[in-house]
Amino acid sequence: PLSSVVKTSVASALKLSALPWTAVKIFCTANYTQTVAEKTESFQEYLRFTDACLYFPLSKTLLLLSEREADAILTLLLRDKEKRSFQFVHLSDIRRVQHAIPLSTSSIAASSATSDALPALTAFLMLLFNGDTCFPAGSTAAATMHSVLQGNVSAQLAALQIPVFRGNGHMVTMSNLEDACLECK
């Protein structure tokens, strides 16, 4: 689970346990985590960004994929058009749905009003883990961000550290994430 990766690799350096990682079902393939498994220092330089994942609507589970895994799975999916119990999802699809931008071609967007929708907390933590700082006002992501950070100074500090850890520290200043942390105190 991503919660284990966060706990063993990332949390020790950043104190990220204040965020509700164990409340979501986000898993990583062995290949996804392999680059940081044996790193003791500077592991943030090796931790992969997430571009694609598999979403299993019945269990509300995300499986993070490495770039090679995503390419291989996408190739197989394009060859075989069978109906599946999972969806191949690009991170930009999650952003569009969570930021309330209509996207009629995305299966995850089309299911956003149904029970197949990706849980808002899962989507928010996934975007935050990837270093996102922009969660537009009035969007599902912004509402989730406020509920997670409200009155929890430890969660606010952890949330602000993730973009810095991911190399996006310059994006924190004047971002929706920074505003939410200042408002939620």
N, C-alpha and C. Protein backbone atom coordinates (compact mmCIF):
# COMPACT_ATOMS: atom_id res chain seq x y z
N PRO A 1 0.81 -1.21 0.00
CA PRO A 1 0.00 0.00 0.00
C PRO A 1 0.85 1.27 0.00
N LEU A 2 0.33 2.32 -0.60
CA LEU A 2 1.03 3.60 -0.58
C LEU A 2 1.25 4.06 0.85
N SER A 3 0.32 3.74 1.74
CA SER A 3 0.49 4.14 3.14
C SER A 3 1.78 3.57 3.73
N SER A 4 2.17 2.36 3.32
CA SER A 4 3.42 1.75 3.80
C SER A 4 4.63 2.46 3.21
N VAL A 5 4.55 2.81 1.93
CA VAL A 5 5.65 3.53 1.28
C VAL A 5 5.83 4.87 1.97
N VAL A 6 4.73 5.55 2.22
CA VAL A 6 4.79 6.85 2.90
C VAL A 6 5.36 6.68 4.30
N LYS A 7 4.90 5.66 5.00
CA LYS A 7 5.34 5.45 6.38
C LYS A 7 6.82 5.08 6.47
N THR A 8 7.28 4.18 5.61
CA THR A 8 8.65 3.69 5.71
C THR A 8 9.66 4.56 5.00
N SER A 9 9.28 5.16 3.87
CA SER A 9 10.26 5.92 3.09
C SER A 9 10.14 7.41 3.27
N VAL A 10 8.93 7.90 3.20
CA VAL A 10 8.72 9.34 3.16
C VAL A 10 8.43 9.92 4.54
N ALA A 11 7.58 9.29 5.29
CA ALA A 11 7.10 9.87 6.55
C ALA A 11 8.20 10.11 7.56
N SER A 12 9.21 9.25 7.57
CA SER A 12 10.27 9.44 8.54
C SER A 12 10.97 10.77 8.34
N ALA A 13 11.10 11.17 7.10
CA ALA A 13 11.77 12.44 6.82
C ALA A 13 10.82 13.62 6.92
N LEU A 14 9.56 13.41 6.59
CA LEU A 14 8.64 14.54 6.49
C LEU A 14 7.51 14.55 7.51
N LYS A 15 7.39 13.53 8.31
CA LYS A 15 6.31 13.46 9.31
C LYS A 15 4.93 13.55 8.65
N LEU A 16 4.71 12.71 7.64
CA LEU A 16 3.47 12.75 6.87
C LEU A 16 2.35 11.91 7.45
N SER A 17 2.58 11.27 8.56
CA SER A 17 1.56 10.39 9.13
C SER A 17 0.32 11.14 9.60
N ALA A 18 0.37 12.46 9.65
CA ALA A 18 -0.80 13.26 10.06
C ALA A 18 -1.88 13.27 8.98
N LEU A 19 -1.51 12.89 7.77
CA LEU A 19 -2.49 12.81 6.68
C LEU A 19 -3.11 11.41 6.68
N PRO A 20 -4.37 11.29 6.26
CA PRO A 20 -5.10 10.01 6.38
C PRO A 20 -4.77 8.96 5.31
N TRP A 21 -3.51 8.58 5.18
CA TRP A 21 -3.09 7.61 4.16
C TRP A 21 -3.76 6.26 4.34
N THR A 22 -3.98 5.83 5.57
CA THR A 22 -4.56 4.50 5.78
C THR A 22 -6.06 4.46 5.53
N ALA A 23 -6.68 5.63 5.33
CA ALA A 23 -8.12 5.68 5.06
C ALA A 23 -8.44 5.47 3.59
N VAL A 24 -7.43 5.37 2.75
CA VAL A 24 -7.65 5.20 1.31
C VAL A 24 -7.02 3.90 0.82
N LYS A 25 -7.49 3.45 -0.32
CA LYS A 25 -6.96 2.22 -0.91
C LYS A 25 -6.13 2.58 -2.14
N ILE A 26 -4.89 2.95 -1.88
CA ILE A 26 -3.94 3.24 -2.95
C ILE A 26 -2.77 2.28 -2.77
N PHE A 27 -2.50 1.52 -3.82
CA PHE A 27 -1.42 0.55 -3.77
C PHE A 27 -0.40 0.87 -4.86
N CYS A 28 0.81 0.34 -4.70
CA CYS A 28 1.88 0.54 -5.66
C CYS A 28 2.38 -0.82 -6.11
N THR A 29 2.76 -0.91 -7.37
CA THR A 29 3.38 -2.15 -7.82
C THR A 29 4.80 -2.19 -7.26
N ALA A 30 5.38 -3.36 -7.25
CA ALA A 30 6.76 -3.50 -6.77
C ALA A 30 7.70 -2.68 -7.64
N ASN A 31 7.42 -2.64 -8.93
CA ASN A 31 8.25 -1.87 -9.84
C ASN A 31 8.16 -0.37 -9.53
N TYR A 32 6.98 0.09 -9.15
CA TYR A 32 6.79 1.51 -8.82
C TYR A 32 7.67 1.90 -7.63
N THR A 33 7.74 1.07 -6.63
CA THR A 33 8.49 1.40 -5.41
C THR A 33 9.94 0.94 -5.43
N GLN A 34 10.31 0.15 -6.42
CA GLN A 34 11.66 -0.43 -6.48
C GLN A 34 12.75 0.63 -6.43
N THR A 35 12.54 1.77 -7.05
CA THR A 35 13.60 2.78 -7.11
C THR A 35 13.94 3.38 -5.75
N VAL A 36 13.02 3.30 -4.79
CA VAL A 36 13.31 3.88 -3.47
C VAL A 36 13.48 2.83 -2.38
N ALA A 37 13.28 1.57 -2.72
CA ALA A 37 13.28 0.51 -1.71
C ALA A 37 14.57 0.44 -0.91
N GLU A 38 15.70 0.68 -1.55
CA GLU A 38 16.97 0.53 -0.86
C GLU A 38 17.67 1.86 -0.59
N LYS A 39 16.99 2.97 -0.86
CA LYS A 39 17.59 4.29 -0.65
C LYS A 39 17.42 4.70 0.81
N THR A 40 18.47 5.20 1.40
CA THR A 40 18.38 5.67 2.77
C THR A 40 18.46 7.19 2.83
N GLU A 41 19.11 7.79 1.85
CA GLU A 41 19.21 9.24 1.78
C GLU A 41 18.82 9.68 0.38
N SER A 42 18.28 10.87 0.28
CA SER A 42 17.89 11.46 -1.00
C SER A 42 16.91 10.60 -1.79
N PHE A 43 16.10 9.81 -1.10
CA PHE A 43 15.17 8.94 -1.81
C PHE A 43 14.14 9.74 -2.60
N GLN A 44 13.89 11.01 -2.19
CA GLN A 44 12.93 11.83 -2.92
C GLN A 44 13.38 12.06 -4.36
N GLU A 45 14.68 11.95 -4.62
CA GLU A 45 15.19 12.10 -5.98
C GLU A 45 14.84 10.89 -6.83
N TYR A 46 14.47 9.80 -6.20
CA TYR A 46 14.21 8.57 -6.92
C TYR A 46 12.73 8.17 -6.93
N LEU A 47 11.93 8.74 -6.02
CA LEU A 47 10.52 8.38 -5.94
C LEU A 47 9.80 8.83 -7.20
N ARG A 48 9.08 7.91 -7.81
CA ARG A 48 8.42 8.19 -9.08
C ARG A 48 7.23 9.13 -8.91
N PHE A 49 7.05 9.94 -9.94
CA PHE A 49 5.80 10.68 -10.07
C PHE A 49 4.80 9.72 -10.68
N THR A 50 3.54 9.99 -10.49
CA THR A 50 2.51 9.10 -11.02
C THR A 50 1.85 9.73 -12.23
N ASP A 51 1.89 9.03 -13.34
CA ASP A 51 1.17 9.48 -14.53
C ASP A 51 -0.06 8.64 -14.76
N ALA A 52 0.04 7.35 -14.45
CA ALA A 52 -1.06 6.44 -14.75
C ALA A 52 -1.26 5.44 -13.62
N CYS A 53 -2.49 4.97 -13.53
CA CYS A 53 -2.83 3.97 -12.53
C CYS A 53 -4.02 3.16 -13.03
N LEU A 54 -4.28 2.08 -12.35
CA LEU A 54 -5.47 1.29 -12.62
C LEU A 54 -6.44 1.57 -11.49
N TYR A 55 -7.70 1.79 -11.84
CA TYR A 55 -8.74 2.05 -10.85
C TYR A 55 -9.73 0.89 -10.89
N PHE A 56 -9.98 0.31 -9.73
CA PHE A 56 -10.91 -0.80 -9.57
C PHE A 56 -12.15 -0.27 -8.85
N PRO A 57 -13.22 0.07 -9.61
CA PRO A 57 -14.39 0.71 -9.02
C PRO A 57 -15.09 -0.10 -7.93
N LEU A 58 -15.13 -1.41 -8.06
CA LEU A 58 -15.84 -2.22 -7.05
C LEU A 58 -15.23 -2.08 -5.67
N SER A 59 -13.92 -2.03 -5.60
CA SER A 59 -13.24 -1.92 -4.31
C SER A 59 -12.74 -0.51 -4.03
N LYS A 60 -12.96 0.41 -4.99
CA LYS A 60 -12.51 1.80 -4.84
C LYS A 60 -11.00 1.87 -4.59
N THR A 61 -10.25 1.08 -5.37
CA THR A 61 -8.82 0.93 -5.19
C THR A 61 -8.05 1.48 -6.38
N LEU A 62 -6.96 2.18 -6.10
CA LEU A 62 -6.04 2.63 -7.14
C LEU A 62 -4.76 1.83 -7.05
N LEU A 63 -4.21 1.46 -8.19
CA LEU A 63 -2.91 0.78 -8.26
C LEU A 63 -1.99 1.66 -9.07
N LEU A 64 -0.96 2.22 -8.43
CA LEU A 64 -0.02 3.09 -9.11
C LEU A 64 0.93 2.26 -9.96
N LEU A 65 1.19 2.73 -11.17
CA LEU A 65 2.02 2.01 -12.12
C LEU A 65 3.28 2.80 -12.45
N SER A 66 4.35 2.07 -12.75
CA SER A 66 5.55 2.72 -13.28
C SER A 66 5.28 3.08 -14.74
N GLU A 67 6.14 3.86 -15.32
CA GLU A 67 5.95 4.27 -16.72
C GLU A 67 5.93 3.07 -17.66
N ARG A 68 6.85 2.16 -17.46
CA ARG A 68 6.91 0.97 -18.34
C ARG A 68 5.67 0.10 -18.19
N GLU A 69 5.23 -0.07 -16.95
CA GLU A 69 4.02 -0.87 -16.72
C GLU A 69 2.82 -0.22 -17.39
N ALA A 70 2.71 1.09 -17.25
CA ALA A 70 1.59 1.81 -17.85
C ALA A 70 1.61 1.67 -19.37
N ASP A 71 2.78 1.82 -19.96
CA ASP A 71 2.90 1.67 -21.42
C ASP A 71 2.50 0.27 -21.87
N ALA A 72 2.98 -0.75 -21.15
CA ALA A 72 2.67 -2.13 -21.52
C ALA A 72 1.18 -2.43 -21.36
N ILE A 73 0.59 -1.98 -20.28
CA ILE A 73 -0.84 -2.23 -20.05
C ILE A 73 -1.69 -1.49 -21.07
N LEU A 74 -1.34 -0.27 -21.36
CA LEU A 74 -2.09 0.50 -22.34
C LEU A 74 -2.03 -0.15 -23.72
N THR A 75 -0.88 -0.66 -24.09
CA THR A 75 -0.74 -1.37 -25.36
C THR A 75 -1.67 -2.57 -25.41
N LEU A 76 -1.71 -3.34 -24.33
CA LEU A 76 -2.59 -4.51 -24.27
C LEU A 76 -4.07 -4.10 -24.32
N LEU A 77 -4.42 -3.04 -23.61
CA LEU A 77 -5.80 -2.59 -23.59
C LEU A 77 -6.26 -2.09 -24.96
N LEU A 78 -5.37 -1.46 -25.69
CA LEU A 78 -5.73 -0.97 -27.02
C LEU A 78 -5.92 -2.11 -28.01
N ARG A 79 -5.23 -3.21 -27.80
CA ARG A 79 -5.37 -4.38 -28.67
C ARG A 79 -6.66 -5.13 -28.39
N ASP A 80 -7.04 -5.21 -27.13
CA ASP A 80 -8.18 -6.01 -26.71
C ASP A 80 -9.23 -5.09 -26.08
N LYS A 81 -10.37 -4.96 -26.72
CA LYS A 81 -11.40 -4.01 -26.28
C LYS A 81 -12.44 -4.62 -25.34
N GLU A 82 -12.14 -5.75 -24.73
CA GLU A 82 -13.08 -6.39 -23.79
C GLU A 82 -13.43 -5.47 -22.63
N LYS A 83 -14.62 -5.68 -22.09
CA LYS A 83 -15.01 -4.93 -20.89
C LYS A 83 -14.23 -5.50 -19.70
N ARG A 84 -13.74 -4.60 -18.85
CA ARG A 84 -12.92 -5.01 -17.71
C ARG A 84 -13.50 -4.51 -16.40
N SER A 85 -13.01 -5.08 -15.34
CA SER A 85 -13.46 -4.65 -14.01
C SER A 85 -12.57 -3.52 -13.47
N PHE A 86 -11.72 -2.97 -14.30
CA PHE A 86 -10.85 -1.87 -13.90
C PHE A 86 -10.80 -0.85 -15.03
N GLN A 87 -10.29 0.33 -14.69
CA GLN A 87 -10.12 1.40 -15.67
C GLN A 87 -8.67 1.86 -15.66
N PHE A 88 -8.13 2.08 -16.83
CA PHE A 88 -6.81 2.69 -16.96
C PHE A 88 -7.03 4.20 -16.84
N VAL A 89 -6.38 4.82 -15.88
CA VAL A 89 -6.63 6.23 -15.60
C VAL A 89 -5.31 7.00 -15.61
N HIS A 90 -5.32 8.11 -16.32
CA HIS A 90 -4.17 9.01 -16.31
C HIS A 90 -4.42 10.06 -15.23
N LEU A 91 -3.36 10.54 -14.61
CA LEU A 91 -3.50 11.52 -13.53
C LEU A 91 -4.26 12.77 -13.99
N SER A 92 -4.10 13.14 -15.26
CA SER A 92 -4.83 14.32 -15.75
C SER A 92 -6.34 14.09 -15.71
N ASP A 93 -6.80 12.84 -15.88
CA ASP A 93 -8.23 12.54 -15.76
C ASP A 93 -8.71 12.79 -14.33
N ILE A 94 -7.91 12.38 -13.36
CA ILE A 94 -8.27 12.59 -11.95
C ILE A 94 -8.33 14.09 -11.67
N ARG A 95 -7.35 14.83 -12.18
CA ARG A 95 -7.35 16.29 -11.98
C ARG A 95 -8.60 16.92 -12.57
N ARG A 96 -8.96 16.53 -13.77
CA ARG A 96 -10.12 17.14 -14.43
C ARG A 96 -11.40 16.88 -13.64
N VAL A 97 -11.58 15.66 -13.18
CA VAL A 97 -12.79 15.33 -12.42
C VAL A 97 -12.79 16.05 -11.08
N GLN A 98 -11.68 16.02 -10.39
CA GLN A 98 -11.61 16.66 -9.07
C GLN A 98 -11.67 18.18 -9.15
N HIS A 99 -11.26 18.73 -10.29
CA HIS A 99 -11.32 20.17 -10.48
C HIS A 99 -12.61 20.58 -11.18
N ALA A 100 -13.51 19.63 -11.37
CA ALA A 100 -14.84 19.87 -11.94
C ALA A 100 -14.80 20.42 -13.36
N ILE A 101 -13.86 19.92 -14.16
CA ILE A 101 -13.81 20.30 -15.56
C ILE A 101 -14.43 19.15 -16.35
N PRO A 102 -15.50 19.39 -17.10
CA PRO A 102 -16.16 18.32 -17.85
C PRO A 102 -15.20 17.65 -18.84
N LEU A 103 -15.24 16.36 -18.89
CA LEU A 103 -14.41 15.60 -19.81
C LEU A 103 -15.23 14.39 -20.26
N SER A 104 -15.96 14.53 -21.33
CA SER A 104 -16.90 13.49 -21.74
C SER A 104 -16.24 12.21 -22.22
N THR A 105 -14.97 12.28 -22.63
CA THR A 105 -14.32 11.09 -23.16
C THR A 105 -13.68 10.21 -22.09
N SER A 106 -13.61 10.69 -20.88
CA SER A 106 -12.96 9.92 -19.84
C SER A 106 -13.95 9.01 -19.12
N SER A 107 -13.60 7.75 -19.01
CA SER A 107 -14.50 6.82 -18.32
C SER A 107 -14.63 7.16 -16.84
N ILE A 108 -13.55 7.66 -16.23
CA ILE A 108 -13.64 8.02 -14.83
C ILE A 108 -14.49 9.28 -14.66
N ALA A 109 -14.43 10.19 -15.62
CA ALA A 109 -15.28 11.39 -15.57
C ALA A 109 -16.73 11.01 -15.78
N ALA A 110 -16.98 10.11 -16.70
CA ALA A 110 -18.35 9.69 -16.97
C ALA A 110 -18.96 9.00 -15.77
N SER A 111 -18.14 8.35 -14.97
CA SER A 111 -18.67 7.64 -13.81
C SER A 111 -18.64 8.49 -12.54
N SER A 112 -18.26 9.77 -12.67
CA SER A 112 -18.08 10.59 -11.47
C SER A 112 -19.37 10.80 -10.68
N ALA A 113 -20.51 10.66 -11.31
CA ALA A 113 -21.77 10.85 -10.60
C ALA A 113 -22.37 9.52 -10.14
N THR A 114 -21.65 8.44 -10.34
CA THR A 114 -22.16 7.13 -9.99
C THR A 114 -21.39 6.54 -8.82
N SER A 115 -21.79 5.36 -8.43
CA SER A 115 -21.09 4.68 -7.34
C SER A 115 -19.70 4.22 -7.76
N ASP A 116 -19.39 4.28 -9.07
CA ASP A 116 -18.07 3.90 -9.55
C ASP A 116 -17.04 5.01 -9.39
N ALA A 117 -17.46 6.16 -8.92
CA ALA A 117 -16.56 7.31 -8.84
C ALA A 117 -15.41 7.06 -7.88
N LEU A 118 -14.27 7.60 -8.24
CA LEU A 118 -13.09 7.55 -7.38
C LEU A 118 -13.40 8.38 -6.13
N PRO A 119 -13.23 7.81 -4.94
CA PRO A 119 -13.51 8.58 -3.72
C PRO A 119 -12.70 9.87 -3.68
N ALA A 120 -13.31 10.94 -3.23
CA ALA A 120 -12.68 12.26 -3.22
C ALA A 120 -11.40 12.28 -2.39
N LEU A 121 -11.40 11.60 -1.24
CA LEU A 121 -10.20 11.58 -0.40
C LEU A 121 -9.05 10.87 -1.11
N THR A 122 -9.36 9.77 -1.78
CA THR A 122 -8.34 9.04 -2.54
C THR A 122 -7.75 9.94 -3.62
N ALA A 123 -8.62 10.61 -4.36
CA ALA A 123 -8.16 11.49 -5.44
C ALA A 123 -7.32 12.64 -4.89
N PHE A 124 -7.78 13.26 -3.81
CA PHE A 124 -7.04 14.38 -3.22
C PHE A 124 -5.65 13.93 -2.77
N LEU A 125 -5.56 12.83 -2.03
CA LEU A 125 -4.26 12.36 -1.55
C LEU A 125 -3.35 11.94 -2.70
N MET A 126 -3.93 11.38 -3.75
CA MET A 126 -3.15 11.00 -4.92
C MET A 126 -2.53 12.24 -5.58
N LEU A 127 -3.35 13.27 -5.76
CA LEU A 127 -2.85 14.51 -6.36
C LEU A 127 -1.82 15.19 -5.46
N LEU A 128 -2.09 15.21 -4.16
CA LEU A 128 -1.14 15.81 -3.21
C LEU A 128 0.17 15.03 -3.20
N PHE A 129 0.10 13.71 -3.18
CA PHE A 129 1.30 12.87 -3.20
C PHE A 129 2.16 13.15 -4.43
N ASN A 130 1.51 13.53 -5.51
CA ASN A 130 2.23 13.82 -6.74
C ASN A 130 2.80 15.24 -6.76
N GLY A 131 2.48 16.04 -5.73
CA GLY A 131 3.03 17.38 -5.62
C GLY A 131 2.12 18.49 -6.07
N ASP A 132 0.85 18.21 -6.33
CA ASP A 132 -0.09 19.24 -6.77
C ASP A 132 -0.34 20.25 -5.65
N THR A 133 -0.52 21.50 -6.03
CA THR A 133 -0.82 22.56 -5.07
C THR A 133 -2.08 23.33 -5.45
N CYS A 134 -2.58 23.10 -6.65
CA CYS A 134 -3.74 23.84 -7.15
C CYS A 134 -5.00 23.00 -7.06
N PHE A 135 -5.92 23.44 -6.21
CA PHE A 135 -7.21 22.77 -6.02
C PHE A 135 -8.26 23.86 -6.10
N PRO A 136 -8.81 24.13 -7.29
CA PRO A 136 -9.68 25.30 -7.50
C PRO A 136 -10.85 25.40 -6.52
N ALA A 137 -11.11 26.64 -6.09
CA ALA A 137 -12.22 26.91 -5.16
C ALA A 137 -13.52 26.36 -5.74
N GLY A 138 -14.31 25.73 -4.89
CA GLY A 138 -15.59 25.18 -5.31
C GLY A 138 -15.51 23.79 -5.90
N SER A 139 -14.30 23.28 -6.08
CA SER A 139 -14.15 21.94 -6.66
C SER A 139 -14.21 20.87 -5.57
N THR A 140 -14.41 19.64 -6.00
CA THR A 140 -14.41 18.51 -5.07
C THR A 140 -13.07 18.42 -4.34
N ALA A 141 -11.99 18.65 -5.08
CA ALA A 141 -10.65 18.57 -4.48
C ALA A 141 -10.48 19.62 -3.39
N ALA A 142 -10.97 20.83 -3.64
CA ALA A 142 -10.83 21.89 -2.64
C ALA A 142 -11.64 21.58 -1.39
N ALA A 143 -12.86 21.08 -1.57
CA ALA A 143 -13.70 20.73 -0.42
C ALA A 143 -13.04 19.63 0.40
N THR A 144 -12.48 18.63 -0.28
CA THR A 144 -11.80 17.54 0.42
C THR A 144 -10.56 18.05 1.14
N MET A 145 -9.81 18.91 0.47
CA MET A 145 -8.61 19.48 1.08
C MET A 145 -8.98 20.21 2.38
N HIS A 146 -10.02 21.02 2.34
CA HIS A 146 -10.43 21.76 3.53
C HIS A 146 -10.86 20.81 4.65
N SER A 147 -11.58 19.74 4.32
CA SER A 147 -12.03 18.81 5.37
C SER A 147 -10.85 18.06 5.99
N VAL A 148 -9.84 17.75 5.20
CA VAL A 148 -8.65 17.04 5.72
C VAL A 148 -7.80 17.96 6.59
N LEU A 149 -7.68 19.21 6.19
CA LEU A 149 -6.76 20.13 6.87
C LEU A 149 -7.39 20.93 8.00
N GLN A 150 -8.71 20.98 8.03
CA GLN A 150 -9.42 21.81 9.02
C GLN A 150 -8.99 21.49 10.44
N GLY A 151 -8.39 22.47 11.11
CA GLY A 151 -8.03 22.33 12.51
C GLY A 151 -6.92 21.35 12.82
N ASN A 152 -6.23 20.85 11.82
CA ASN A 152 -5.18 19.86 12.03
C ASN A 152 -3.85 20.45 11.55
N VAL A 153 -3.15 21.10 12.46
CA VAL A 153 -1.90 21.77 12.11
C VAL A 153 -0.86 20.78 11.60
N SER A 154 -0.80 19.59 12.16
CA SER A 154 0.15 18.57 11.70
C SER A 154 -0.13 18.17 10.25
N ALA A 155 -1.40 18.00 9.91
CA ALA A 155 -1.78 17.66 8.53
C ALA A 155 -1.44 18.81 7.60
N GLN A 156 -1.65 20.03 8.05
CA GLN A 156 -1.34 21.20 7.22
C GLN A 156 0.16 21.27 6.93
N LEU A 157 0.98 21.07 7.96
CA LEU A 157 2.43 21.08 7.76
C LEU A 157 2.88 19.97 6.83
N ALA A 158 2.30 18.79 7.01
CA ALA A 158 2.64 17.66 6.14
C ALA A 158 2.23 17.95 4.70
N ALA A 159 1.03 18.49 4.51
CA ALA A 159 0.54 18.79 3.16
C ALA A 159 1.43 19.82 2.47
N LEU A 160 1.92 20.79 3.21
CA LEU A 160 2.78 21.81 2.63
C LEU A 160 4.18 21.28 2.31
N GLN A 161 4.60 20.22 3.00
CA GLN A 161 5.93 19.65 2.77
C GLN A 161 5.98 18.79 1.51
N ILE A 162 4.86 18.18 1.15
CA ILE A 162 4.89 17.25 0.01
C ILE A 162 5.30 17.92 -1.29
N PRO A 163 4.71 19.05 -1.68
CA PRO A 163 5.17 19.68 -2.93
C PRO A 163 6.66 20.04 -2.90
N VAL A 164 7.15 20.48 -1.74
CA VAL A 164 8.57 20.80 -1.61
C VAL A 164 9.39 19.54 -1.83
N PHE A 165 8.98 18.46 -1.19
CA PHE A 165 9.63 17.16 -1.31
C PHE A 165 9.65 16.68 -2.76
N ARG A 166 8.59 16.98 -3.50
CA ARG A 166 8.45 16.56 -4.90
C ARG A 166 9.09 17.53 -5.89
N GLY A 167 9.77 18.57 -5.38
CA GLY A 167 10.43 19.51 -6.27
C GLY A 167 9.52 20.63 -6.75
N ASN A 168 8.35 20.77 -6.14
CA ASN A 168 7.40 21.81 -6.53
C ASN A 168 7.24 22.87 -5.44
N GLY A 169 8.27 23.07 -4.65
CA GLY A 169 8.20 24.04 -3.58
C GLY A 169 7.86 25.44 -4.06
N HIS A 170 8.31 25.77 -5.25
CA HIS A 170 8.03 27.09 -5.82
C HIS A 170 6.54 27.29 -6.12
N MET A 171 5.78 26.21 -6.17
CA MET A 171 4.36 26.29 -6.48
C MET A 171 3.48 26.47 -5.23
N VAL A 172 4.08 26.36 -4.06
CA VAL A 172 3.30 26.47 -2.82
C VAL A 172 2.86 27.90 -2.55
N THR A 173 3.77 28.85 -2.74
CA THR A 173 3.45 30.25 -2.46
C THR A 173 2.27 30.72 -3.30
N MET A 174 1.27 31.27 -2.63
CA MET A 174 0.06 31.79 -3.25
C MET A 174 -0.80 30.71 -3.94
N SER A 175 -0.63 29.47 -3.52
CA SER A 175 -1.43 28.38 -4.09
C SER A 175 -2.69 28.16 -3.26
N ASN A 176 -3.61 27.38 -3.82
CA ASN A 176 -4.82 27.02 -3.08
C ASN A 176 -4.47 26.23 -1.83
N LEU A 177 -3.43 25.41 -1.92
CA LEU A 177 -3.01 24.61 -0.77
C LEU A 177 -2.53 25.52 0.35
N GLU A 178 -1.69 26.48 0.04
CA GLU A 178 -1.20 27.41 1.06
C GLU A 178 -2.36 28.21 1.65
N ASP A 179 -3.26 28.69 0.79
CA ASP A 179 -4.43 29.45 1.27
C ASP A 179 -5.26 28.61 2.23
N ALA A 180 -5.49 27.34 1.87
CA ALA A 180 -6.30 26.46 2.72
C ALA A 180 -5.64 26.25 4.08
N CYS A 181 -4.33 26.10 4.08
CA CYS A 181 -3.62 25.92 5.36
C CYS A 181 -3.70 27.17 6.22
N LEU A 182 -3.66 28.34 5.61
CA LEU A 182 -3.77 29.58 6.36
C LEU A 182 -5.19 29.79 6.87
N GLU A 183 -6.19 29.41 6.05
CA GLU A 183 -7.60 29.56 6.44
C GLU A 183 -8.01 28.58 7.52
N CYS A 184 -7.45 27.39 7.51
CA CYS A 184 -7.91 26.29 8.38
C CYS A 184 -7.29 26.31 9.76
N LYS A 185 -6.47 27.27 10.08
CA LYS A 185 -5.82 27.28 11.40
C LYS A 185 -6.79 27.63 12.49
